[in-house]
Protein backbone atom coordinates (compact mmCIF):
# COMPACT_ATOMS: atom_id res chain seq x y z
CA MET A 1 12.36 37.61 -12.32
CA ASN A 2 9.72 37.66 -9.61
CA LYS A 3 11.35 39.21 -6.56
CA PHE A 4 8.85 37.44 -4.30
CA PHE A 5 9.78 33.92 -5.39
CA ARG A 6 8.65 31.22 -2.98
CA LEU A 7 9.75 27.60 -2.84
CA PRO A 8 6.86 25.56 -4.28
CA LEU A 9 4.97 23.63 -1.60
CA ALA A 10 5.21 20.30 -3.44
CA LEU A 11 8.99 20.59 -3.72
CA ALA A 12 9.38 21.58 -0.09
CA THR A 13 7.22 18.64 1.03
CA GLY A 14 9.23 16.23 -1.12
CA MET A 15 12.43 17.42 0.47
CA LEU A 16 11.05 16.81 3.96
CA VAL A 17 9.82 13.32 3.16
CA ALA A 18 13.23 12.41 1.75
CA CYS A 19 14.93 13.22 5.07
CA GLY A 20 13.87 9.99 6.79
CA SER A 21 11.31 7.25 7.13
CA ASP A 22 9.23 9.24 9.66
CA PRO A 23 7.69 12.18 7.81
CA GLY A 24 6.89 13.98 11.05
CA PHE A 25 3.34 15.07 10.19
CA ASN A 26 -0.22 13.99 10.88
CA GLU A 27 -1.93 13.00 7.63
CA GLU A 28 -5.40 13.61 9.12
CA THR A 29 -4.77 17.23 10.11
CA ASP A 30 -1.72 18.69 8.37
CA PHE A 31 -3.15 18.56 4.84
CA VAL A 32 -6.58 19.94 5.67
CA ASN A 33 -7.34 22.83 3.30
CA ARG A 34 -6.74 26.03 5.25
CA ASP A 35 -7.66 29.02 3.11
CA SER A 36 -8.17 32.71 3.62
CA ARG A 37 -9.75 35.20 1.21
CA LEU A 38 -8.31 38.38 -0.23
CA GLN A 39 -9.52 41.50 -2.06
CA PHE A 40 -7.97 44.77 -3.28
CA VAL A 41 -9.89 48.07 -3.63
CA ASN A 42 -8.36 51.00 -5.55
CA MET A 43 -9.68 54.23 -4.00
CA VAL A 44 -6.99 56.64 -5.31
CA THR A 45 -8.57 59.31 -7.55
CA GLY A 46 -5.63 60.05 -9.87
CA SER A 47 -4.56 56.44 -10.07
CA PRO A 48 -3.89 54.59 -13.30
CA GLU A 49 -4.55 50.86 -13.30
CA LEU A 50 -2.44 49.40 -10.52
CA GLY A 51 -0.56 46.12 -10.72
CA ILE A 52 -0.55 44.23 -7.42
CA LEU A 53 1.93 41.43 -6.76
CA HIS A 54 0.90 39.27 -3.80
CA GLY A 55 3.19 36.30 -3.27
CA LEU A 56 3.28 34.66 -6.70
CA ASN A 57 -0.07 36.10 -7.80
CA SER A 58 -0.64 39.31 -9.76
CA THR A 59 -3.81 41.40 -10.05
CA GLN A 60 -4.73 44.59 -11.92
CA VAL A 61 -7.17 47.06 -10.35
CA SER A 62 -8.31 50.39 -11.84
CA PHE A 63 -9.58 53.38 -9.86
CA GLY A 64 -13.05 52.93 -8.42
CA THR A 65 -13.02 49.16 -8.79
CA ALA A 66 -12.27 46.13 -6.64
CA SER A 67 -10.58 42.89 -7.53
CA ASP A 68 -12.33 39.55 -7.32
CA VAL A 69 -12.38 38.01 -3.86
CA ALA A 70 -9.66 35.36 -4.21
CA ASN A 71 -8.79 32.29 -2.16
CA ARG A 72 -5.25 32.17 -0.79
CA ALA A 73 -3.49 29.56 1.31
CA VAL A 74 -2.88 30.61 4.88
CA ASP A 75 0.66 31.95 4.99
CA ASP A 76 2.63 35.18 5.32
CA TYR A 77 3.08 37.09 2.05
CA ASP A 78 5.21 39.82 0.57
CA TRP A 79 3.29 42.27 -1.62
CA GLU A 80 3.92 45.23 -3.91
CA ILE A 81 1.63 47.79 -5.57
CA ALA A 82 2.96 49.55 -8.67
CA TYR A 83 2.12 51.12 -12.01
CA ARG A 84 4.09 51.69 -15.19
CA ARG A 85 4.92 55.19 -16.38
CA ALA A 86 4.43 56.28 -19.98
CA ASP A 87 8.06 55.25 -20.63
CA PHE A 88 7.17 51.80 -19.16
CA ASP A 89 9.42 52.21 -16.11
CA GLU A 90 7.79 50.73 -13.03
CA VAL A 91 6.84 52.98 -10.09
CA THR A 92 6.28 51.20 -6.77
CA VAL A 93 3.73 53.08 -4.65
CA ALA A 94 3.47 50.72 -1.67
CA GLU A 95 4.90 47.40 -0.51
CA GLY A 96 5.07 45.15 2.51
CA GLU A 97 6.67 41.97 3.81
CA ASP A 98 5.43 38.95 5.75
CA THR A 99 1.80 40.07 5.95
CA ASP A 100 -0.17 37.24 7.54
CA LEU A 101 -3.28 35.74 6.00
CA LEU A 102 -5.33 34.04 8.72
CA PHE A 103 -7.45 30.92 8.39
CA ASP A 104 -11.16 31.61 7.79
CA PHE A 105 -10.56 35.36 7.51
CA ARG A 106 -11.06 37.85 4.69
CA GLN A 107 -8.30 40.40 4.19
CA THR A 108 -9.16 43.63 2.34
CA PHE A 109 -6.43 45.95 1.05
CA LEU A 110 -7.86 49.49 0.96
CA ILE A 111 -5.56 51.45 -1.36
CA MET A 112 -5.98 55.08 -0.28
CA GLY A 113 -4.23 58.45 -0.14
CA THR A 114 -2.98 60.02 -3.38
CA ILE A 115 -0.95 58.43 -6.18
CA ASP A 116 2.13 60.33 -4.94
CA ASN A 117 1.51 59.31 -1.32
CA VAL A 118 -0.35 56.00 -1.27
CA SER A 119 -1.46 54.58 2.05
CA VAL A 120 -2.73 51.03 2.42
CA GLN A 121 -5.10 49.96 5.17
CA ILE A 122 -5.25 46.18 5.57
CA ILE A 123 -8.53 45.09 7.15
CA ASP A 124 -8.87 41.56 8.57
CA GLN A 125 -12.40 40.30 9.19
CA VAL A 126 -13.74 36.86 9.98
CA GLU A 127 -15.12 35.35 6.75
CA PRO A 128 -18.86 36.24 6.55
CA THR A 129 -20.33 32.75 6.26
CA PRO A 130 -24.10 32.14 6.44
CA ALA A 131 -23.58 30.51 9.83
CA ARG A 132 -22.28 33.86 11.15
CA ILE A 133 -24.93 36.10 9.59
CA PRO A 134 -28.49 34.99 10.39
CA ALA A 135 -31.04 34.54 7.62
CA GLY A 136 -33.00 37.75 6.99
CA SER A 137 -30.09 40.00 7.90
CA ALA A 138 -26.88 41.29 6.31
CA GLU A 139 -23.82 43.30 7.25
CA ALA A 140 -22.38 46.47 5.74
CA TRP A 141 -19.16 48.36 6.32
CA PHE A 142 -17.71 51.52 4.79
CA ALA A 143 -14.35 53.07 3.96
CA ALA A 144 -13.67 56.58 2.64
CA ASN A 145 -10.87 58.21 0.67
CA THR A 146 -12.12 61.65 -0.39
CA ASP A 147 -10.56 65.09 -0.69
CA SER A 148 -13.78 66.56 0.72
CA PRO A 149 -15.68 66.37 2.99
CA ALA A 150 -13.55 65.42 5.95
CA MET A 151 -16.44 63.73 7.76
CA MET A 152 -19.64 62.05 6.50
CA ASP A 153 -22.83 60.55 7.90
CA VAL A 154 -24.22 57.33 6.42
CA TYR A 155 -27.95 56.61 6.51
CA ILE A 156 -29.55 53.27 5.64
CA THR A 157 -33.33 53.62 5.66
CA GLY A 158 -36.50 52.56 3.91
CA THR A 159 -36.86 54.05 0.45
CA LEU A 160 -39.47 56.64 1.44
CA VAL A 161 -38.04 57.69 4.82
CA SER A 162 -37.08 61.36 5.08
CA LEU A 163 -33.62 62.10 6.44
CA ASP A 164 -35.26 64.50 8.89
CA ASP A 165 -36.81 61.42 10.52
CA ALA A 166 -33.68 59.26 10.36
CA THR A 167 -30.55 58.70 12.42
CA PRO A 168 -27.21 57.93 10.75
CA VAL A 169 -26.07 54.34 11.21
CA LEU A 170 -22.48 55.56 11.35
CA THR A 171 -20.19 58.56 10.88
CA LEU A 172 -16.78 58.20 9.30
CA ASP A 173 -13.77 60.38 8.52
CA ALA A 174 -12.04 60.53 5.15
CA GLY A 175 -9.15 58.08 5.21
CA SER A 176 -10.84 55.69 7.61
CA ALA A 177 -12.83 52.45 7.63
CA THR A 178 -15.66 51.28 9.89
CA ASP A 179 -16.63 48.04 11.57
CA PRO A 180 -19.53 46.10 10.02
CA VAL A 181 -23.06 47.09 11.04
CA VAL A 182 -26.03 44.70 11.02
CA ILE A 183 -28.84 45.34 8.52
CA ASN A 184 -32.11 43.71 9.59
CA THR A 185 -34.34 44.99 6.77
CA LEU A 186 -33.04 43.95 3.37
CA GLU A 187 -35.61 44.91 0.72
CA ASP A 188 -36.42 48.42 -0.54
CA GLN A 189 -33.64 50.10 1.39
CA ARG A 190 -31.81 53.30 0.53
CA ILE A 191 -28.21 54.32 1.25
CA ARG A 192 -27.64 58.05 1.62
CA ILE A 193 -24.42 59.83 2.54
CA THR A 194 -24.37 63.44 3.74
CA ARG A 195 -21.83 65.87 5.07
CA ALA A 196 -21.62 65.27 8.80
CA ALA A 197 -24.54 66.83 10.71
CA SER A 198 -26.10 68.23 7.50
CA THR A 199 -29.11 66.30 6.20
CA ASP A 200 -29.65 68.95 3.51
CA ASP A 201 -26.26 68.28 1.90
CA VAL A 202 -26.72 64.86 0.28
CA LEU A 203 -23.50 63.61 -1.32
CA PHE A 204 -24.81 60.24 -2.47
CA ASP A 205 -28.20 58.55 -2.85
CA SER A 206 -28.41 54.92 -4.00
CA GLY A 207 -32.14 55.01 -4.74
CA THR A 208 -33.82 51.68 -3.97
CA PHE A 209 -31.23 49.17 -2.79
CA ASN A 210 -31.67 45.53 -1.79
CA PHE A 211 -29.14 43.87 0.51
CA PRO A 212 -28.42 40.18 -0.14
CA SER A 213 -29.29 38.00 2.83
CA GLN A 214 -26.44 36.56 4.89
CA PHE A 215 -23.73 38.53 3.08
CA ARG A 216 -21.33 41.22 4.22
CA GLN A 217 -21.19 44.13 1.76
CA MET A 218 -18.30 46.60 1.66
CA PHE A 219 -18.86 50.16 0.32
CA ALA A 220 -15.85 52.27 -0.71
CA ILE A 221 -16.52 56.03 -0.77
CA VAL A 222 -14.29 57.81 -3.30
CA ASP A 223 -14.01 61.19 -5.02
CA ASN A 224 -16.72 61.94 -7.57
CA VAL A 225 -15.71 62.49 -11.21
CA GLY A 226 -19.14 63.38 -12.59
CA PRO A 227 -20.89 66.74 -13.14
CA ASP A 228 -20.40 69.18 -10.23
CA GLY A 229 -18.24 66.47 -8.70
CA ASP A 230 -16.96 68.58 -5.79
CA ASN A 231 -20.42 68.42 -4.22
CA PHE A 232 -20.86 64.63 -4.44
CA VAL A 233 -19.08 61.35 -3.73
CA ASP A 234 -19.02 58.05 -5.59
CA VAL A 235 -19.62 54.70 -3.92
CA VAL A 236 -18.10 51.40 -5.04
CA ALA A 237 -19.75 48.17 -3.97
CA ALA A 238 -16.96 45.68 -3.28
CA SER A 239 -17.84 42.15 -2.17
CA SER A 240 -18.12 38.59 -3.42
CA LEU A 241 -21.34 39.54 -5.22
CA ALA A 242 -20.66 42.99 -6.68
CA ARG A 243 -17.66 45.02 -7.82
CA ASN A 244 -19.16 48.11 -9.40
CA ARG A 245 -19.67 51.84 -8.91
CA LEU A 246 -23.24 52.57 -7.87
CA ALA A 247 -25.41 55.13 -9.65
CA ASN A 248 -25.83 58.35 -7.63
CA GLU A 249 -29.49 59.37 -7.68
CA ALA A 250 -28.61 62.64 -5.91
CA GLN A 251 -26.53 63.83 -8.85
CA ALA A 252 -28.05 65.08 -12.12
CA PRO A 253 -26.41 63.88 -15.34
CA ALA A 254 -24.84 66.12 -17.96
CA LEU A 255 -25.25 65.66 -21.71
CA ARG A 256 -23.65 66.92 -24.91
CA VAL A 257 -24.39 66.19 -28.59
CA ALA A 258 -22.08 65.56 -31.57
CA ASN A 259 -23.09 66.00 -35.22
CA HIS A 260 -21.74 63.20 -37.40
CA THR A 261 -24.59 63.35 -39.88
CA THR A 262 -24.22 64.65 -43.44
CA ASN A 263 -26.01 67.85 -42.42
CA ASP A 264 -23.79 70.92 -42.22
CA SER A 265 -25.65 72.07 -39.10
CA ILE A 266 -28.30 70.59 -36.82
CA ASN A 267 -30.43 71.69 -33.88
CA VAL A 268 -31.21 69.09 -31.23
CA SER A 269 -33.95 69.25 -28.61
CA ILE A 270 -33.77 66.70 -25.76
CA GLY A 271 -36.52 67.22 -23.21
CA THR A 272 -36.04 70.79 -22.04
CA ASN A 273 -32.44 70.93 -23.29
CA GLN A 274 -31.76 72.75 -26.53
CA PHE A 275 -28.53 72.37 -28.54
CA ASN A 276 -28.54 74.76 -31.49
CA GLY A 277 -26.24 75.16 -34.47
CA ILE A 278 -24.04 72.07 -34.02
CA ALA A 279 -21.81 72.07 -37.11
CA ARG A 280 -20.84 68.84 -38.82
CA GLU A 281 -18.02 66.99 -37.01
CA THR A 282 -18.30 69.18 -33.91
CA ILE A 283 -19.65 68.56 -30.44
CA SER A 284 -21.64 70.83 -28.12
CA ASN A 285 -20.84 71.79 -24.55
CA TYR A 286 -22.32 69.75 -21.70
CA GLN A 287 -25.69 70.77 -20.27
CA ALA A 288 -27.26 69.57 -17.04
CA THR A 289 -30.20 67.32 -17.85
CA VAL A 290 -32.50 64.70 -16.27
CA THR A 291 -32.63 60.92 -16.33
CA GLY A 292 -35.36 58.81 -17.87
CA ASN A 293 -36.42 58.39 -21.49
CA GLN A 294 -36.61 61.63 -23.46
CA ASP A 295 -37.46 62.42 -27.08
CA VAL A 296 -34.57 63.63 -29.18
CA VAL A 297 -35.89 65.96 -31.92
CA VAL A 298 -33.37 66.77 -34.64
CA THR A 299 -33.86 69.57 -37.18
CA ASP A 300 -31.60 70.95 -39.88
CA GLY A 301 -30.28 74.50 -40.00
CA GLU A 302 -33.52 75.68 -41.65
CA GLY A 303 -35.69 74.19 -38.91
CA ASN A 304 -36.91 71.19 -40.93
CA GLN A 305 -37.40 68.09 -38.79
CA ILE A 306 -35.00 65.28 -39.65
CA ASP A 307 -35.87 62.64 -37.09
CA VAL A 308 -37.21 61.88 -33.61
CA LEU A 309 -35.25 59.44 -31.46
CA VAL A 310 -35.33 58.43 -27.80
CA THR A 311 -32.47 58.50 -25.31
CA ALA A 312 -31.86 58.43 -21.56
CA ALA A 313 -28.88 59.91 -19.71
CA THR A 314 -27.04 57.98 -17.01
CA THR A 315 -27.48 59.48 -13.55
CA GLY A 316 -24.47 61.20 -12.05
CA VAL A 317 -22.13 61.06 -15.05
CA HIS A 318 -21.21 63.00 -18.19
CA ASN A 319 -23.00 61.62 -21.26
CA SER A 320 -22.31 62.18 -24.95
CA LEU A 321 -24.83 61.54 -27.73
CA TYR A 322 -23.26 60.94 -31.16
CA LEU A 323 -25.67 61.30 -34.10
CA PHE A 324 -24.97 59.52 -37.40
CA ASP A 325 -26.77 58.90 -40.67
CA ASP A 326 -28.40 55.48 -40.49
CA THR A 327 -27.53 53.59 -43.67
CA THR A 328 -28.60 50.14 -42.48
CA ASP A 329 -32.40 50.39 -42.57
CA ASP A 330 -35.26 52.81 -43.20
CA GLY A 331 -34.25 55.10 -40.34
CA VAL A 332 -32.90 58.58 -40.93
CA LEU A 333 -30.50 58.92 -37.98
CA MET A 334 -28.79 56.66 -35.50
CA ALA A 335 -27.65 57.67 -32.01
CA ILE A 336 -24.86 56.18 -29.87
CA ARG A 337 -24.70 57.36 -26.26
CA THR A 338 -21.55 57.04 -24.18
CA ASP A 339 -20.67 57.53 -20.52
CA ASP A 340 -17.68 59.88 -20.24
CA GLU A 341 -15.23 59.94 -17.35
CA ASN A 342 -13.35 63.23 -17.38
CA ARG A 343 -10.81 62.18 -14.77
CA SER A 344 -7.16 63.19 -14.75
CA ILE A 345 -5.03 60.04 -14.55
CA THR A 346 -1.31 59.99 -13.76
CA GLU A 347 0.72 58.74 -16.75
CA ARG A 348 -2.42 57.62 -18.64
CA VAL A 349 -5.30 58.89 -20.73
CA ASN A 350 -8.92 57.77 -20.76
CA PHE A 351 -9.87 56.72 -24.27
CA GLN A 352 -12.90 55.36 -26.09
CA PHE A 353 -13.75 54.61 -29.70
CA VAL A 354 -17.18 55.22 -31.27
CA SER A 355 -18.03 53.78 -34.66
CA GLY A 356 -21.11 54.95 -36.53
CA SER A 357 -20.12 53.09 -39.68
CA PRO A 358 -22.37 50.34 -41.07
CA GLU A 359 -19.22 48.28 -41.68
CA VAL A 360 -17.66 45.95 -39.12
CA VAL A 361 -14.28 47.51 -38.31
CA ASP A 362 -11.08 47.01 -36.35
CA MET A 363 -9.24 49.88 -34.67
CA TYR A 364 -5.49 50.16 -34.09
CA VAL A 365 -3.43 52.53 -31.93
CA LEU A 366 0.00 52.47 -33.58
CA SER A 367 3.31 53.82 -32.34
CA ASP A 368 6.17 54.99 -34.56
CA GLY A 369 7.01 52.46 -37.24
CA GLU A 370 4.15 50.05 -36.50
CA GLU A 371 1.82 48.90 -39.27
CA VAL A 372 -1.56 47.20 -39.05
CA ASP A 373 -0.23 43.96 -40.53
CA GLU A 374 2.41 43.71 -37.79
CA VAL A 375 0.24 43.96 -34.66
CA ASN A 376 -3.14 42.84 -33.38
CA PRO A 377 -5.99 45.38 -33.38
CA ASN A 378 -6.69 47.18 -30.12
CA LEU A 379 -10.42 46.80 -30.79
CA ASN A 380 -11.83 44.01 -32.90
CA ASP A 381 -15.08 43.65 -34.91
CA LEU A 382 -16.94 46.78 -33.77
CA LEU A 383 -20.25 47.57 -35.50
CA MET A 384 -22.08 50.84 -34.78
CA ASN A 385 -21.16 50.86 -31.11
CA THR A 386 -18.70 52.17 -28.55
CA SER A 387 -15.71 50.45 -27.02
CA GLY A 388 -16.40 51.88 -23.58
CA LEU A 389 -13.69 53.57 -21.53
CA VAL A 390 -10.18 52.15 -21.47
CA GLU A 391 -6.88 53.45 -20.13
CA THR A 392 -3.99 53.79 -22.55
CA ILE A 393 -0.48 55.24 -22.71
CA PRO A 394 -0.18 58.93 -23.77
CA GLY A 395 2.12 60.17 -26.52
CA GLN A 396 2.26 60.42 -30.29
CA VAL A 397 0.16 57.75 -32.00
CA ARG A 398 -1.39 56.93 -35.34
CA PHE A 399 -4.97 55.69 -35.24
CA ALA A 400 -6.02 53.34 -38.02
CA VAL A 401 -9.43 51.89 -38.78
CA THR A 402 -9.60 48.87 -41.08
CA ASN A 403 -12.18 46.42 -42.29
CA SER A 404 -12.70 43.38 -40.08
CA ASP A 405 -9.88 41.26 -41.57
CA GLY A 406 -7.38 44.15 -41.71
CA SER A 407 -6.98 43.90 -45.48
CA GLU A 408 -8.14 47.48 -46.18
CA THR A 409 -7.31 50.63 -44.22
CA LEU A 410 -10.41 52.84 -44.16
CA ALA A 411 -9.01 55.87 -42.31
CA THR A 412 -5.96 57.03 -40.36
CA LEU A 413 -5.29 59.96 -38.03
CA ASN A 414 -2.06 61.15 -36.39
CA ALA A 415 -2.50 62.61 -32.91
CA THR A 416 -0.69 63.43 -29.68
CA MET A 417 -2.47 62.37 -26.50
CA THR A 418 -1.42 64.17 -23.31
CA ALA A 419 -1.41 62.44 -19.92
CA GLY A 420 -4.37 63.37 -17.75
CA ASN A 421 -6.78 64.07 -20.62
CA ALA A 422 -9.69 62.00 -21.91
CA TYR A 423 -10.20 61.36 -25.63
CA THR A 424 -12.96 60.01 -27.86
CA LEU A 425 -12.16 58.83 -31.38
CA VAL A 426 -15.17 58.82 -33.73
CA PHE A 427 -15.44 57.01 -37.07
CA ASP A 428 -18.57 57.92 -39.07
CA SER A 429 -20.52 56.55 -42.01
CA GLU A 430 -18.57 58.83 -44.38
CA ALA A 431 -15.26 57.24 -43.25
CA ALA A 432 -14.21 60.45 -41.43
CA LEU A 433 -12.05 59.95 -38.34
CA LEU A 434 -12.16 62.66 -35.65
CA LEU A 435 -10.59 62.91 -32.18
CA TYR A 436 -12.39 64.84 -29.41
CA THR A 437 -10.52 65.98 -26.29
CA GLN A 438 -12.53 66.29 -23.05
């Protein structure tokens, strides 16, 4: 039962009308739509996906993401933020009662602190309508929840402006939020964040960034989970227009290569990176690399060239390149690149599935006693692609890969997934199923 049950408005109104012939309200003013807007931002590094109950509405928000900006009727609301443990018991991390939503305001819940000590900052701002933000300008505000550094400078400049010639638009402490600042130049801008008073120590660089005219943009600064993450921060754009983590041009990517070809051993050259002696069904260590298109030259253990492909690593994250035999056309090899997030999550694991099979497949994650004909597939109709990252419950599981209608099981694998780890399950063209642990 929902502990925050409210009497429905229609029922309450009907009860009032029934009390007498004079309803006691002004029809021209009392039923005017009076809305506020609401958004939640999960900035807690070790957080699993959080469930947020606000009045009668529920929302799910993962780390480093923001919810949609939602309309809510002006009222006071009870709210609760919680997650479920691996045993499915609910853990409440924060809650509140009678929190007012104000007419024509936007209320942002900044979920901060750590998962064991969550703090929530509730920011009320007048709704950023075009009438309040002149054409040709925009507004930006920032919030930070980072282990390090304790204080940061934020620069918003033209793309080519050196930080030595720039002045920070604001300085903020970890665990705090700023007021909006006005941005008068919108095109070809660049957001850079440094340690306070240190222009040489760039923690984040957006590259070229364009601000939308007459909008207020919120930027959430969170801990970085990419290569050399202690020396960088991540930034989440959270507004009506965008709800995504921005690429960090200051942070080089990392790359590793997996051999799922029929060759017992391969050597792989990617730009200046060299991965030698990768045995079949194994994966290399990560190497720092560069962004942009690069030739991938694959040779066998004797040095004979097998194929030349092209790939590009994503800036600021761990990348994996899975190589398969290409059985669908005249090509020799096929490559699937994934973005990896090696982040420890309380009571969860990060998981993704990669299929290099030419067959359309379904994938199941089964608990004890479950069979594929009793449940729906976790992933449906995947063809030579990756599922992308998802959170799932740790524990003992049985993976099963079937054909697209579930009538034939192609491969199974028993495994134990431990909370806090990240896993990639790979299904190749030879119907081999292999689980990698990050």
